[in-house]
C-alpha atoms as a PDB file:
ATOM      1  CA  UNK A   1       2.067 -13.388   8.635  1.00  0.00           C
ATOM      2  CA  UNK A   2       1.801  -9.590   8.635  1.00  0.00           C
ATOM      3  CA  UNK A   3      -1.321  -9.783  10.771  1.00  0.00           C
ATOM      4  CA  UNK A   4       0.724 -11.710  13.325  1.00  0.00           C
ATOM      5  CA  UNK A   5       3.197  -8.822  13.413  1.00  0.00           C
ATOM      6  CA  UNK A   6       0.393  -6.320  13.989  1.00  0.00           C
ATOM      7  CA  UNK A   7       0.606  -4.697  10.567  1.00  0.00           C
ATOM      8  CA  UNK A   8      -3.114  -5.254   9.986  1.00  0.00           C
ATOM      9  CA  UNK A   9      -5.958  -7.151  11.653  1.00  0.00           C
ATOM     10  CA  UNK A  10      -6.697 -10.844  11.070  1.00  0.00           C
ATOM     11  CA  UNK A  11     -10.014 -10.118   9.342  1.00  0.00           C
ATOM     12  CA  UNK A  12      -8.206  -7.951   6.809  1.00  0.00           C
ATOM     13  CA  UNK A  13      -5.617 -10.692   6.259  1.00  0.00           C
ATOM     14  CA  UNK A  14      -8.403 -13.116   5.346  1.00  0.00           C
ATOM     15  CA  UNK A  15     -10.045 -10.546   3.088  1.00  0.00           C
ATOM     16  CA  UNK A  16      -6.900  -9.680   1.151  1.00  0.00           C
ATOM     17  CA  UNK A  17      -5.943 -13.355   0.817  1.00  0.00           C
ATOM     18  CA  UNK A  18      -8.886 -13.737  -1.535  1.00  0.00           C
ATOM     19  CA  UNK A  19      -7.125 -11.449  -4.010  1.00  0.00           C
ATOM     20  CA  UNK A  20      -4.398 -14.073  -4.379  1.00  0.00           C
ATOM     21  CA  UNK A  21      -7.026 -16.325  -5.896  1.00  0.00           C
ATOM     22  CA  UNK A  22      -7.909 -13.614  -8.398  1.00  0.00           C
ATOM     23  CA  UNK A  23      -4.237 -13.151  -9.213  1.00  0.00           C
ATOM     24  CA  UNK A  24      -3.856 -16.878  -9.865  1.00  0.00           C
ATOM     25  CA  UNK A  25      -6.926 -16.856 -12.065  1.00  0.00           C
ATOM     26  CA  UNK A  26      -5.559 -13.941 -14.072  1.00  0.00           C
ATOM     27  CA  UNK A  27      -2.132 -15.492 -14.479  1.00  0.00           C
ATOM     28  CA  UNK A  28      -3.087 -19.088 -15.146  1.00  0.00           C
ATOM     29  CA  UNK A  29      -6.648 -19.185 -16.505  1.00  0.00           C
ATOM     30  CA  UNK A  30      -7.357 -15.753 -17.957  1.00  0.00           C
ATOM     31  CA  UNK A  31      -8.715 -17.014 -21.263  1.00  0.00           C
ATOM     32  CA  UNK A  32     -11.099 -19.413 -19.536  1.00  0.00           C
ATOM     33  CA  UNK A  33     -12.216 -17.024 -16.781  1.00  0.00           C
ATOM     34  CA  UNK A  34     -15.660 -15.470 -16.625  1.00  0.00           C
ATOM     35  CA  UNK A  35     -14.774 -11.882 -17.422  1.00  0.00           C
ATOM     36  CA  UNK A  36     -17.885 -10.517 -15.712  1.00  0.00           C
ATOM     37  CA  UNK A  37     -16.680 -12.082 -12.433  1.00  0.00           C
ATOM     38  CA  UNK A  38     -13.202 -10.634 -12.986  1.00  0.00           C
ATOM     39  CA  UNK A  39     -14.652  -7.203 -13.654  1.00  0.00           C
ATOM     40  CA  UNK A  40     -16.806  -7.342 -10.530  1.00  0.00           C
ATOM     41  CA  UNK A  41     -13.787  -8.359  -8.431  1.00  0.00           C
ATOM     42  CA  UNK A  42     -11.529  -5.525  -9.529  1.00  0.00           C
ATOM     43  CA  UNK A  43     -13.152  -2.813  -7.387  1.00  0.00           C
ATOM     44  CA  UNK A  44     -12.860  -4.988  -4.281  1.00  0.00           C
ATOM     45  CA  UNK A  45      -9.216  -5.751  -4.990  1.00  0.00           C
ATOM     46  CA  UNK A  46      -8.384  -2.099  -5.558  1.00  0.00           C
ATOM     47  CA  UNK A  47     -10.031  -1.180  -2.246  1.00  0.00           C
ATOM     48  CA  UNK A  48      -8.138  -3.947  -0.473  1.00  0.00           C
ATOM     49  CA  UNK A  49      -4.799  -2.895  -1.964  1.00  0.00           C
ATOM     50  CA  UNK A  50      -5.419   0.728  -0.985  1.00  0.00           C
ATOM     51  CA  UNK A  51      -6.224  -0.417   2.560  1.00  0.00           C
ATOM     52  CA  UNK A  52      -3.123  -2.639   2.548  1.00  0.00           C
ATOM     53  CA  UNK A  53      -0.890   0.316   1.702  1.00  0.00           C
ATOM     54  CA  UNK A  54      -2.525   2.418   4.419  1.00  0.00           C
ATOM     55  CA  UNK A  55      -2.009  -0.313   7.024  1.00  0.00           C
ATOM     56  CA  UNK A  56       1.647  -0.736   6.050  1.00  0.00           C
ATOM     57  CA  UNK A  57       2.277   3.026   6.027  1.00  0.00           C
ATOM     58  CA  UNK A  58       0.752   3.372   9.491  1.00  0.00           C
ATOM     59  CA  UNK A  59       2.769   0.434  10.807  1.00  0.00           C
ATOM     60  CA  UNK A  60       6.046   1.785   9.414  1.00  0.00           C
ATOM     61  CA  UNK A  61       5.301   5.262  10.722  1.00  0.00           C
ATOM     62  CA  UNK A  62       4.712   3.947  14.234  1.00  0.00           C
ATOM     63  CA  UNK A  63       7.864   1.842  14.104  1.00  0.00           C
ATOM     64  CA  UNK A  64      10.013   4.692  12.782  1.00  0.00           C
ATOM     65  CA  UNK A  65       8.546   7.697  14.529  1.00  0.00           C
ATOM     66  CA  UNK A  66       6.082   6.517  17.132  1.00  0.00           C
ATOM     67  CA  UNK A  67       3.391   8.336  15.136  1.00  0.00           C
ATOM     68  CA  UNK A  68       0.036   6.776  14.295  1.00  0.00           C
ATOM     69  CA  UNK A  69      -1.328   8.010  10.937  1.00  0.00           C
ATOM     70  CA  UNK A  70      -4.902   6.788  11.100  1.00  0.00           C
ATOM     71  CA  UNK A  71      -7.771   5.341  13.043  1.00  0.00           C
ATOM     72  CA  UNK A  72      -7.811   1.834  11.573  1.00  0.00           C
END
């Protein structure tokens, strides 16, 4: 949805969607999850969330001030 509004590119939307699966695993199946897989996924999720915030900040800045904050 946000990719359709131009907040971030489609490829990023697909990438960050994978973190929803990790969230569901953590919430619903934490005790049965392979903790080594969870641990390996955390760095990717943190990078994606940082990128998400940067995309949203840039989008809001352009909408409010006509200023582009980055070269994404």
